[in-house]
């Protein structure tokens, strides 16, 4: 379908590599045994047969709420093998964020582990069309003996344990095309609820294979990946990219800066990926004589922090590969690892697949080279960028204007065609590679009976392109509110990465004449405010949830 991309659907790609590299190592969890491509293929086909037996239909959506594990890989690929749509759910979702994702997906089936049942059951009456939960571990609580299962059953949701399904169910032969939707990934918008990005097979396949090409991956590479499978950096740019060339993926459950280098060394990893703030945390670890004692050759990143980029490469003896993109379009700009580092640049536009312009946000007129403007983009081939936001046609229309997709990212290009990222146009909070909607935090805060008004802001975390979260609160009349009480409530109802670090109580919040929150005006007051700091008071999210 494309000049340099041979496989245009996920099943076609997986069938090809599992045949070509059948006995080669494919996938392992850190510290665990490895499965081959032949074993991966067998597991995926068996799971596909079980999903078919459950009645999953072509192009229906299947929610996947699983941590990094072999099971999350098998489930995702099995869903695609029967031409259904995998919808990755952030395992930290709870309350409103979970309810929104489940409802807007219109999914009837959710696949998860038993330890998530309590959180899911807490929203049992607000889960849209959900009919069945498939539990992949045989925990006794999932077999009807727990309060969570009782709540779900009362809501009309059936709980099925995977070992109750036939082990010999045949994988059906279902046609899958490049235009069919493969995945929905929720990207937390800078305004409003998280948006479900509908990604066709052609987009997913292009992203994976292009990632392998631009990163220089081969069958001899070992890719160390800790990104979750509800994030495109983990699912498509790390796992599927490595699979596309017959390489080996070593998955970890999370990112830990103090363990990063030792695990790179232990796994024999030759390639990995990490967002800029993560690399700053790694760089902040005490230098050691063994910092270059490893097989790693490339770290793909966005951004490569300007403050440390040159020093990071020198200290660890690796190349940093900076890119620019987003879930909606994939990766449009790549650095060239065969050429010297250009600090601050995310490379050049991949003109084989994209048209690109930098425009005045007010007029959509292109700006001169070197001038800051908004990045707009469009594909050269069909089905290679998203096909709209799920259940949000207004947001889809808003993003497309004058035949260009408006990314909301701003920056500039130089005379050599290098692309330099500036920032988001809209008010945004970015925390550890997650875009966070301020309104999602505010909506949960306003459900607390003692809170009358709330405004969430991103404040400098000390890492490049990364924020800590500040929540400004106006207590209700006659209500006495304590910091830890508010935080405890938020920790029970928000994903961990959305729980604020800072709190401040105010008598009022600045608003426009029409009542809209004035975030800029509030931000201008911050230097004069005394903020309560959760970290300085040794209050962890884990402790708040205990």
Protein backbone atom coordinates (compact mmCIF):
# COMPACT_ATOMS: atom_id res chain seq x y z
CA UNK A 1 0.00 0.00 0.00
CA UNK A 2 2.91 2.33 0.79
CA UNK A 3 6.27 2.62 -0.98
CA UNK A 4 8.38 1.61 2.02
CA UNK A 5 5.85 -0.02 4.37
CA UNK A 6 5.04 -3.61 3.32
CA UNK A 7 2.27 -4.51 5.80
CA UNK A 8 -0.86 -2.36 6.14
CA UNK A 9 -2.77 -4.24 8.87
CA UNK A 10 -1.79 -5.58 12.27
CA UNK A 11 -2.79 -9.22 11.54
CA UNK A 12 -0.87 -9.18 8.26
CA UNK A 13 2.22 -7.85 10.03
CA UNK A 14 2.01 -10.31 12.95
CA UNK A 15 1.31 -13.32 10.72
CA UNK A 16 4.33 -12.41 8.60
CA UNK A 17 6.84 -11.99 11.43
CA UNK A 18 5.58 -15.02 13.37
CA UNK A 19 6.14 -17.13 10.27
CA UNK A 20 9.52 -15.62 9.39
CA UNK A 21 10.93 -15.55 12.95
CA UNK A 22 8.99 -18.45 14.52
CA UNK A 23 11.74 -19.73 16.83
CA UNK A 24 13.32 -16.40 17.68
CA UNK A 25 12.76 -14.78 21.10
CA UNK A 26 9.86 -12.37 20.98
CA UNK A 27 8.59 -11.15 24.35
CA UNK A 28 9.56 -11.30 28.01
CA UNK A 29 8.63 -9.53 31.18
CA UNK A 30 11.65 -8.16 33.05
CA UNK A 31 13.08 -10.98 35.16
CA UNK A 32 10.88 -13.64 33.58
CA UNK A 33 11.06 -16.23 30.80
CA UNK A 34 10.85 -15.41 27.10
CA UNK A 35 8.29 -16.60 24.57
CA UNK A 36 9.05 -17.13 20.90
CA UNK A 37 7.19 -15.70 17.94
CA UNK A 38 5.58 -19.11 17.40
CA UNK A 39 4.33 -19.10 21.00
CA UNK A 40 3.08 -15.53 20.63
CA UNK A 41 1.16 -16.53 17.51
CA UNK A 42 -0.42 -19.53 19.23
CA UNK A 43 -1.44 -17.46 22.27
CA UNK A 44 -2.93 -14.70 20.13
CA UNK A 45 -4.89 -17.11 17.94
CA UNK A 46 -6.22 -18.98 20.98
CA UNK A 47 -7.34 -15.73 22.59
CA UNK A 48 -8.94 -14.62 19.32
CA UNK A 49 -10.96 -17.82 19.26
CA UNK A 50 -12.12 -17.23 22.83
CA UNK A 51 -13.18 -13.67 22.05
CA UNK A 52 -15.06 -14.95 19.03
CA UNK A 53 -16.79 -17.50 21.28
CA UNK A 54 -17.86 -14.62 23.53
CA UNK A 55 -19.61 -13.04 20.55
CA UNK A 56 -17.20 -10.21 19.76
CA UNK A 57 -18.11 -8.85 16.32
CA UNK A 58 -16.04 -7.26 13.58
CA UNK A 59 -15.37 -3.55 14.32
CA UNK A 60 -16.97 -3.77 17.76
CA UNK A 61 -14.95 -2.23 20.59
CA UNK A 62 -13.29 -4.22 23.36
CA UNK A 63 -12.02 -2.40 26.44
CA UNK A 64 -8.62 -3.59 27.72
CA UNK A 65 -7.71 -2.58 31.28
CA UNK A 66 -4.49 -4.49 31.91
CA UNK A 67 -1.04 -3.68 33.22
CA UNK A 68 2.07 -4.54 31.21
CA UNK A 69 2.09 -8.32 30.90
CA UNK A 70 2.05 -11.01 28.21
CA UNK A 71 -1.74 -11.05 28.58
CA UNK A 72 -2.15 -7.44 27.50
CA UNK A 73 -0.17 -8.17 24.31
CA UNK A 74 -2.13 -11.34 23.56
CA UNK A 75 -5.47 -9.61 24.17
CA UNK A 76 -4.71 -6.54 22.05
CA UNK A 77 -3.49 -8.57 19.09
CA UNK A 78 -6.31 -11.10 19.42
CA UNK A 79 -8.87 -8.31 19.27
CA UNK A 80 -7.28 -7.07 16.04
CA UNK A 81 -7.11 -10.60 14.59
CA UNK A 82 -10.93 -10.78 14.56
CA UNK A 83 -11.13 -7.21 13.23
CA UNK A 84 -12.47 -5.83 16.48
CA UNK A 85 -11.18 -2.56 17.94
CA UNK A 86 -9.00 -2.57 21.03
CA UNK A 87 -9.70 0.30 23.41
CA UNK A 88 -6.89 0.68 25.92
CA UNK A 89 -7.98 1.92 29.32
CA UNK A 90 -5.52 3.61 31.66
CA UNK A 91 -5.28 1.27 34.65
CA UNK A 92 -5.30 4.31 36.91
CA UNK A 93 -8.74 5.41 35.72
CA UNK A 94 -11.47 5.50 38.34
CA UNK A 95 -14.72 7.34 38.89
CA UNK A 96 -15.60 9.89 36.21
CA UNK A 97 -12.55 9.22 34.04
CA UNK A 98 -13.35 5.50 33.90
CA UNK A 99 -17.06 6.08 33.35
CA UNK A 100 -16.40 8.49 30.48
CA UNK A 101 -14.06 6.07 28.67
CA UNK A 102 -16.38 3.08 29.06
CA UNK A 103 -19.51 5.00 28.10
CA UNK A 104 -18.14 6.82 25.05
CA UNK A 105 -16.63 3.58 23.72
CA UNK A 106 -20.06 1.88 23.68
CA UNK A 107 -18.17 -1.35 24.38
CA UNK A 108 -19.99 -4.45 25.60
CA UNK A 109 -16.87 -6.32 26.78
CA UNK A 110 -14.07 -5.27 29.14
CA UNK A 111 -10.97 -7.43 29.71
CA UNK A 112 -9.09 -6.96 32.98
CA UNK A 113 -7.40 -8.52 36.01
CA UNK A 114 -9.33 -9.29 39.18
CA UNK A 115 -7.63 -6.59 41.27
CA UNK A 116 -9.40 -3.93 39.18
CA UNK A 117 -12.89 -5.23 39.96
CA UNK A 118 -13.37 -3.09 43.07
CA UNK A 119 -12.68 0.14 41.14
CA UNK A 120 -14.88 -0.93 38.22
CA UNK A 121 -17.68 -1.98 40.57
CA UNK A 122 -17.58 1.46 42.17
CA UNK A 123 -18.97 2.79 38.88
CA UNK A 124 -21.18 -0.22 38.10
CA UNK A 125 -24.32 1.83 37.46
CA UNK A 126 -22.55 4.27 35.12
CA UNK A 127 -20.81 2.01 32.59
CA UNK A 128 -22.92 2.61 29.52
CA UNK A 129 -23.55 -0.48 27.39
CA UNK A 130 -21.05 -2.75 29.17
CA UNK A 131 -22.43 -6.29 29.44
CA UNK A 132 -19.48 -8.57 30.25
CA UNK A 133 -16.18 -8.37 32.11
CA UNK A 134 -13.60 -11.02 31.20
CA UNK A 135 -11.13 -11.60 34.05
CA UNK A 136 -7.82 -13.08 32.93
CA UNK A 137 -6.62 -14.36 36.30
CA UNK A 138 -8.51 -17.03 38.21
CA UNK A 139 -8.82 -15.12 41.46
CA UNK A 140 -11.57 -16.52 43.69
CA UNK A 141 -13.06 -13.04 44.08
CA UNK A 142 -13.90 -13.02 40.37
CA UNK A 143 -16.02 -16.15 40.70
CA UNK A 144 -18.94 -14.53 42.43
CA UNK A 145 -17.79 -14.48 46.05
CA UNK A 146 -16.89 -10.79 46.34
CA UNK A 147 -18.94 -7.63 46.96
CA UNK A 148 -17.50 -6.18 43.73
CA UNK A 149 -18.89 -9.00 41.61
CA UNK A 150 -22.24 -8.69 43.38
CA UNK A 151 -22.40 -4.98 42.55
CA UNK A 152 -21.56 -5.67 38.91
CA UNK A 153 -24.12 -8.45 38.61
CA UNK A 154 -26.77 -6.21 40.18
CA UNK A 155 -25.97 -3.68 37.43
CA UNK A 156 -26.57 -6.33 34.77
CA UNK A 157 -22.87 -6.93 34.05
CA UNK A 158 -21.70 -10.54 33.80
CA UNK A 159 -18.26 -11.50 35.14
CA UNK A 160 -16.49 -14.34 33.31
CA UNK A 161 -13.14 -15.90 34.24
CA UNK A 162 -10.91 -16.83 31.31
CA UNK A 163 -10.41 -20.45 32.35
CA UNK A 164 -14.14 -20.96 31.87
CA UNK A 165 -13.73 -20.35 28.13
CA UNK A 166 -12.93 -23.11 25.61
CA UNK A 167 -9.19 -23.61 25.16
CA UNK A 168 -9.58 -25.04 21.66
CA UNK A 169 -11.78 -22.33 20.14
CA UNK A 170 -10.66 -21.80 16.55
CA UNK A 171 -9.39 -18.41 15.45
CA UNK A 172 -11.89 -17.26 12.82
CA UNK A 173 -10.78 -16.01 9.42
CA UNK A 174 -12.02 -12.43 9.38
CA UNK A 175 -11.04 -9.97 6.63
CA UNK A 176 -9.16 -6.94 7.95
CA UNK A 177 -8.44 -3.88 5.81
CA UNK A 178 -6.17 -0.83 6.14
CA UNK A 179 -9.19 1.46 6.59
CA UNK A 180 -10.67 -0.58 9.45
CA UNK A 181 -10.19 0.94 12.90
CA UNK A 182 -7.57 -1.02 14.84
CA UNK A 183 -7.32 0.85 18.13
CA UNK A 184 -8.75 3.65 20.20
CA UNK A 185 -6.29 5.41 22.47
CA UNK A 186 -7.56 7.97 24.95
CA UNK A 187 -5.43 11.07 24.94
CA UNK A 188 -6.20 13.37 27.83
CA UNK A 189 -6.98 16.64 26.16
CA UNK A 190 -5.78 19.97 27.43
CA UNK A 191 -9.42 21.00 27.73
CA UNK A 192 -12.41 18.79 28.46
CA UNK A 193 -12.62 15.04 28.92
CA UNK A 194 -10.16 12.58 27.41
CA UNK A 195 -10.66 12.09 23.68
CA UNK A 196 -10.68 8.62 22.12
CA UNK A 197 -8.45 8.70 19.04
CA UNK A 198 -9.65 6.24 16.40
CA UNK A 199 -6.57 4.79 14.70
CA UNK A 200 -6.96 2.73 11.49
CA UNK A 201 -4.81 -0.31 10.76
CA UNK A 202 -2.88 1.65 8.13
CA UNK A 203 -1.92 4.32 10.69
CA UNK A 204 -0.92 1.78 13.33
CA UNK A 205 1.07 -0.31 10.86
CA UNK A 206 2.82 2.74 9.43
CA UNK A 207 3.69 4.04 12.89
CA UNK A 208 5.18 0.71 13.98
CA UNK A 209 7.19 0.00 10.85
CA UNK A 210 8.38 3.58 10.43
CA UNK A 211 9.46 3.61 14.10
CA UNK A 212 11.55 0.51 13.47
CA UNK A 213 13.11 2.01 10.34
CA UNK A 214 13.93 5.40 11.85
CA UNK A 215 15.27 3.86 15.06
CA UNK A 216 17.38 1.42 13.04
CA UNK A 217 15.87 -1.70 14.64
CA UNK A 218 16.72 -5.21 13.38
CA UNK A 219 16.01 -8.76 14.49
CA UNK A 220 19.12 -8.59 16.69
CA UNK A 221 17.78 -5.72 18.82
CA UNK A 222 16.40 -5.99 22.34
CA UNK A 223 13.97 -3.17 23.15
CA UNK A 224 13.41 -2.33 26.83
CA UNK A 225 9.91 -0.88 27.24
CA UNK A 226 8.13 0.27 30.38
CA UNK A 227 5.42 2.32 28.68
CA UNK A 228 1.86 1.05 29.25
CA UNK A 229 -0.12 -0.48 26.41
CA UNK A 230 -2.71 2.31 26.49
CA UNK A 231 -0.01 4.69 25.23
CA UNK A 232 1.13 4.78 21.59
CA UNK A 233 4.78 5.04 22.65
CA UNK A 234 4.53 1.62 24.27
CA UNK A 235 2.05 -0.20 22.08
CA UNK A 236 3.00 0.82 18.56
CA UNK A 237 6.39 2.56 18.70
CA UNK A 238 8.05 0.07 21.04
CA UNK A 239 6.32 -3.32 21.06
CA UNK A 240 4.81 -3.50 17.57
CA UNK A 241 7.82 -1.72 16.06
CA UNK A 242 10.20 -4.30 17.53
CA UNK A 243 7.93 -7.17 16.48
CA UNK A 244 7.90 -5.80 12.92
CA UNK A 245 11.59 -6.68 12.47
CA UNK A 246 11.67 -9.85 14.55
CA UNK A 247 13.41 -8.27 17.53
CA UNK A 248 12.87 -8.98 21.22
CA UNK A 249 10.80 -6.84 23.61
CA UNK A 250 11.55 -6.85 27.32
CA UNK A 251 8.62 -5.27 29.14
CA UNK A 252 8.79 -3.72 32.58
CA UNK A 253 5.87 -2.72 34.76
CA UNK A 254 6.93 0.87 35.36
CA UNK A 255 9.66 3.47 35.02
CA UNK A 256 12.05 3.77 37.97
CA UNK A 257 14.93 6.19 37.34
CA UNK A 258 17.16 4.64 39.99
CA UNK A 259 16.82 1.22 38.31
CA UNK A 260 16.80 2.33 34.68
CA UNK A 261 20.46 1.79 33.85
CA UNK A 262 20.81 -1.45 35.80
CA UNK A 263 17.83 -2.92 33.97
CA UNK A 264 19.14 -1.74 30.62
CA UNK A 265 22.35 -3.56 31.51
CA UNK A 266 20.67 -6.73 32.85
CA UNK A 267 18.37 -7.14 29.86
CA UNK A 268 21.06 -6.48 27.27
CA UNK A 269 18.81 -3.82 25.78
CA UNK A 270 20.09 -2.11 22.65
CA UNK A 271 17.20 0.36 22.27
CA UNK A 272 14.61 2.02 24.48
CA UNK A 273 12.32 5.04 24.70
CA UNK A 274 11.65 7.60 27.42
CA UNK A 275 10.03 11.02 27.53
CA UNK A 276 12.22 14.00 28.32
CA UNK A 277 11.43 14.38 32.03
CA UNK A 278 12.26 10.70 32.54
CA UNK A 279 15.71 11.21 31.02
CA UNK A 280 16.24 14.18 33.33
CA UNK A 281 15.49 11.92 36.30
CA UNK A 282 17.96 9.33 35.00
CA UNK A 283 20.59 12.03 34.47
CA UNK A 284 20.02 13.26 38.03
CA UNK A 285 21.21 9.92 39.43
CA UNK A 286 24.77 10.05 40.79
CA UNK A 287 27.34 9.47 38.01
CA UNK A 288 29.13 6.12 38.21
CA UNK A 289 32.08 4.48 36.50
CA UNK A 290 29.74 1.96 34.85
CA UNK A 291 27.45 4.50 33.18
CA UNK A 292 28.69 3.35 29.75
CA UNK A 293 28.83 -0.33 30.66
CA UNK A 294 25.84 -1.52 28.62
CA UNK A 295 24.74 -2.44 25.09
CA UNK A 296 22.30 0.45 24.64
CA UNK A 297 22.83 2.46 21.45
CA UNK A 298 19.70 4.62 21.06
CA UNK A 299 17.07 6.29 23.24
CA UNK A 300 14.01 7.62 21.42
CA UNK A 301 12.58 10.64 23.21
CA UNK A 302 10.25 13.63 23.06
CA UNK A 303 11.70 16.05 23.84
CA UNK A 304 15.41 15.50 24.37
CA UNK A 305 15.87 18.09 27.15
CA UNK A 306 18.13 20.86 25.88
CA UNK A 307 19.76 21.35 29.28
CA UNK A 308 21.20 17.83 29.36
CA UNK A 309 21.05 16.48 25.78
CA UNK A 310 24.75 16.71 24.89
CA UNK A 311 25.87 15.64 28.36
CA UNK A 312 23.44 12.70 28.42
CA UNK A 313 24.84 11.31 25.17
CA UNK A 314 28.41 11.74 26.38
CA UNK A 315 27.84 10.30 29.85
CA UNK A 316 25.93 7.19 28.78
CA UNK A 317 27.45 6.68 25.33
CA UNK A 318 24.09 6.57 23.53
CA UNK A 319 22.35 8.50 20.78
CA UNK A 320 19.21 10.46 21.60
CA UNK A 321 16.57 10.25 18.86
CA UNK A 322 14.16 13.17 19.30
CA UNK A 323 10.79 13.02 17.54
CA UNK A 324 7.62 15.08 17.27
CA UNK A 325 4.10 13.79 16.90
CA UNK A 326 0.92 12.87 18.73
CA UNK A 327 -1.57 10.03 18.87
CA UNK A 328 -3.79 11.67 16.26
CA UNK A 329 -1.10 11.69 13.56
CA UNK A 330 1.61 9.32 14.74
CA UNK A 331 5.16 10.63 14.40
CA UNK A 332 5.65 13.28 11.73
CA UNK A 333 9.18 14.49 12.48
CA UNK A 334 12.25 12.35 13.14
CA UNK A 335 15.84 13.14 14.03
CA UNK A 336 18.54 11.31 12.07
CA UNK A 337 20.66 9.13 14.35
CA UNK A 338 23.32 8.85 11.66
CA UNK A 339 24.04 12.58 11.94
CA UNK A 340 25.26 14.80 14.80
CA UNK A 341 22.76 15.92 17.42
CA UNK A 342 21.02 19.25 16.82
CA UNK A 343 20.08 20.33 20.34
CA UNK A 344 16.45 21.44 20.61
CA UNK A 345 15.43 20.03 17.23
CA UNK A 346 12.99 17.16 16.76
CA UNK A 347 14.42 16.47 13.33
CA UNK A 348 12.80 16.91 9.94
CA UNK A 349 9.31 16.18 8.68
CA UNK A 350 8.82 12.71 7.18
CA UNK A 351 7.79 14.12 3.80
CA UNK A 352 7.22 10.68 2.29
CA UNK A 353 4.06 10.44 4.37
CA UNK A 354 3.15 13.96 5.54
CA UNK A 355 2.61 17.50 4.34
CA UNK A 356 3.44 20.09 6.99
CA UNK A 357 3.16 23.82 7.53
CA UNK A 358 3.68 26.36 10.31
CA UNK A 359 0.83 28.88 10.33
CA UNK A 360 -0.45 31.94 12.14
CA UNK A 361 -3.04 30.48 14.57
CA UNK A 362 -5.38 33.42 13.97
CA UNK A 363 -5.39 33.31 10.16
CA UNK A 364 -4.01 29.90 9.10
CA UNK A 365 -1.59 31.78 6.81
CA UNK A 366 1.92 30.23 6.71
CA UNK A 367 4.53 32.18 8.67
CA UNK A 368 8.12 32.84 7.55
CA UNK A 369 10.90 30.40 8.38
CA UNK A 370 12.13 30.96 11.92
CA UNK A 371 8.81 32.43 13.07
CA UNK A 372 6.76 30.78 15.81
CA UNK A 373 3.41 29.42 14.66
CA UNK A 374 1.05 26.47 14.97
CA UNK A 375 1.99 23.13 13.41
CA UNK A 376 -0.60 21.87 10.92
CA UNK A 377 -0.36 18.60 9.03
CA UNK A 378 -2.12 16.28 6.58
CA UNK A 379 -1.34 12.79 5.23
CA UNK A 380 -0.12 11.92 1.75
CA UNK A 381 -1.81 8.50 1.88
CA UNK A 382 -5.31 7.50 3.03
CA UNK A 383 -6.03 6.05 6.49
CA UNK A 384 -2.62 7.02 7.88
CA UNK A 385 -3.83 9.43 10.56
CA UNK A 386 -6.75 9.22 12.95
CA UNK A 387 -10.32 8.95 11.69
CA UNK A 388 -11.84 11.22 14.31
CA UNK A 389 -12.43 11.41 18.04
CA UNK A 390 -14.76 8.69 19.25
CA UNK A 391 -18.19 10.07 20.09
CA UNK A 392 -16.94 13.65 19.77
CA UNK A 393 -17.70 14.84 16.21
CA UNK A 394 -17.50 18.46 17.34
CA UNK A 395 -13.91 17.99 18.51
CA UNK A 396 -13.04 16.26 15.23
CA UNK A 397 -14.44 19.15 13.19
CA UNK A 398 -12.69 21.65 15.46
CA UNK A 399 -9.32 20.00 14.78
CA UNK A 400 -9.74 20.09 10.98
CA UNK A 401 -9.79 23.51 9.34
CA UNK A 402 -8.87 24.66 5.84
CA UNK A 403 -8.00 21.07 4.90
CA UNK A 404 -5.32 20.80 7.60
CA UNK A 405 -5.25 19.00 10.94
CA UNK A 406 -4.45 21.61 13.58
CA UNK A 407 -2.22 20.01 16.18
CA UNK A 408 -2.34 22.74 18.82
CA UNK A 409 1.45 22.50 19.03
CA UNK A 410 3.54 25.56 18.31
CA UNK A 411 7.11 25.97 17.15
CA UNK A 412 9.20 26.94 14.14
CA UNK A 413 11.51 25.60 11.44
CA UNK A 414 14.96 26.79 10.39
CA UNK A 415 16.53 27.17 6.95
CA UNK A 416 17.74 23.55 7.06
CA UNK A 417 14.22 22.24 7.57
CA UNK A 418 14.81 21.32 11.21
CA UNK A 419 11.65 21.44 13.33
CA UNK A 420 11.72 23.03 16.78
CA UNK A 421 8.85 22.46 19.21
CA UNK A 422 7.74 25.38 21.38
CA UNK A 423 4.64 24.57 23.43
CA UNK A 424 0.92 23.86 23.33
CA UNK A 425 -1.37 26.70 22.27
CA UNK A 426 -4.01 25.93 24.85
CA UNK A 427 -3.74 25.82 28.60
CA UNK A 428 -2.35 22.41 29.35
CA UNK A 429 -0.97 20.31 32.15
CA UNK A 430 1.62 17.73 31.17
CA UNK A 431 2.70 15.31 33.85
CA UNK A 432 5.22 12.50 33.21
CA UNK A 433 4.29 12.15 29.50
CA UNK A 434 0.54 12.37 30.19
CA UNK A 435 -1.55 15.27 28.91
CA UNK A 436 -4.03 16.10 31.65
CA UNK A 437 -7.31 17.94 31.36
CA UNK A 438 -7.64 20.59 34.05
CA UNK A 439 -11.42 20.30 33.80
CA UNK A 440 -11.29 16.59 34.71
CA UNK A 441 -9.53 17.42 37.98
CA UNK A 442 -11.90 20.31 38.64
CA UNK A 443 -15.00 18.21 38.00
CA UNK A 444 -13.96 15.64 40.59
CA UNK A 445 -12.99 18.33 43.11
CA UNK A 446 -16.39 20.01 42.73
CA UNK A 447 -18.13 16.79 43.75
CA UNK A 448 -16.66 17.20 47.23
CA UNK A 449 -19.45 18.67 49.38
CA UNK A 450 -17.18 21.28 50.96
CA UNK A 451 -15.75 22.71 47.72
CA UNK A 452 -17.60 25.49 45.90
CA UNK A 453 -15.09 26.37 43.17
CA UNK A 454 -11.92 24.78 41.80
CA UNK A 455 -9.22 25.60 39.26
CA UNK A 456 -6.36 23.29 38.27
CA UNK A 457 -3.12 24.69 36.88
CA UNK A 458 0.17 23.23 35.71
CA UNK A 459 3.20 24.68 37.46
CA UNK A 460 6.88 24.13 36.73
CA UNK A 461 8.11 20.78 38.05
CA UNK A 462 11.76 21.56 37.41
CA UNK A 463 11.87 19.18 34.45
CA UNK A 464 11.68 20.32 30.83
CA UNK A 465 8.15 20.12 29.32
CA UNK A 466 6.74 18.73 32.57
CA UNK A 467 4.38 20.09 35.21
CA UNK A 468 3.31 19.58 38.77
CA UNK A 469 -0.38 20.15 39.49
CA UNK A 470 -1.78 22.98 41.59
CA UNK A 471 -5.43 22.99 42.64
CA UNK A 472 -6.93 26.31 43.74
CA UNK A 473 -10.01 25.82 45.93
CA UNK A 474 -12.82 28.03 47.17
CA UNK A 475 -14.50 26.31 50.14
CA UNK A 476 -18.28 26.38 50.37
CA UNK A 477 -19.94 28.81 52.75
CA UNK A 478 -19.60 27.64 56.32
CA UNK A 479 -17.31 24.74 55.40
CA UNK A 480 -13.92 24.19 56.99
CA UNK A 481 -11.70 22.23 54.62
CA UNK A 482 -8.35 20.63 55.42
CA UNK A 483 -5.64 19.96 52.85
CA UNK A 484 -5.23 16.26 53.56
CA UNK A 485 -9.00 15.69 53.58
CA UNK A 486 -9.27 17.16 50.10
CA UNK A 487 -6.27 15.21 48.84
CA UNK A 488 -7.58 11.96 50.28
CA UNK A 489 -10.84 12.49 48.42
CA UNK A 490 -9.06 13.30 45.16
CA UNK A 491 -6.77 10.28 45.49
CA UNK A 492 -9.80 8.02 45.75
CA UNK A 493 -11.42 9.46 42.62
CA UNK A 494 -8.56 10.39 40.27
CA UNK A 495 -5.75 8.46 38.56
CA UNK A 496 -2.55 8.75 40.60
CA UNK A 497 -0.84 11.06 38.10
CA UNK A 498 -3.72 13.56 38.32
CA UNK A 499 -3.60 14.01 42.11
CA UNK A 500 -2.34 17.57 42.79
CA UNK A 501 0.96 18.25 44.47
CA UNK A 502 0.00 21.77 45.55
CA UNK A 503 -3.19 23.15 47.11
CA UNK A 504 -4.21 26.69 47.91
CA UNK A 505 -7.47 27.96 49.42
CA UNK A 506 -8.94 31.19 48.02
CA UNK A 507 -11.97 33.34 48.78
CA UNK A 508 -12.72 33.54 45.05
CA UNK A 509 -11.30 32.65 41.64
CA UNK A 510 -10.85 35.12 38.77
CA UNK A 511 -13.53 34.80 36.09
CA UNK A 512 -14.63 36.60 32.94
CA UNK A 513 -17.93 38.48 32.68
CA UNK A 514 -19.48 35.27 31.36
CA UNK A 515 -18.16 33.22 34.27
CA UNK A 516 -15.25 31.51 32.51
CA UNK A 517 -12.23 30.77 34.69
CA UNK A 518 -9.32 33.11 33.99
CA UNK A 519 -6.34 30.83 34.35
CA UNK A 520 -3.88 33.46 33.19
CA UNK A 521 -5.02 35.88 35.87
CA UNK A 522 -4.71 33.19 38.53
CA UNK A 523 -1.27 32.23 37.29
CA UNK A 524 -0.13 35.86 37.62
CA UNK A 525 -1.00 35.74 41.34
CA UNK A 526 1.06 32.61 42.07
CA UNK A 527 4.30 34.35 43.12
CA UNK A 528 2.42 36.04 45.96
CA UNK A 529 0.64 32.90 47.21
CA UNK A 530 1.67 30.44 49.90
CA UNK A 531 1.06 26.97 48.46
CA UNK A 532 0.61 23.82 50.54
CA UNK A 533 3.02 21.20 49.16
CA UNK A 534 2.05 17.52 49.44
CA UNK A 535 5.64 16.34 48.97
CA UNK A 536 7.08 18.77 51.51
CA UNK A 537 4.53 17.41 53.98
CA UNK A 538 5.47 13.79 53.14
CA UNK A 539 2.00 12.87 51.93
CA UNK A 540 2.09 10.21 49.19
CA UNK A 541 -0.76 9.15 46.92
CA UNK A 542 -0.26 5.57 48.08
CA UNK A 543 -0.74 6.62 51.70
CA UNK A 544 -3.83 8.63 50.81
CA UNK A 545 -5.39 5.55 49.22
CA UNK A 546 -4.55 3.22 52.09
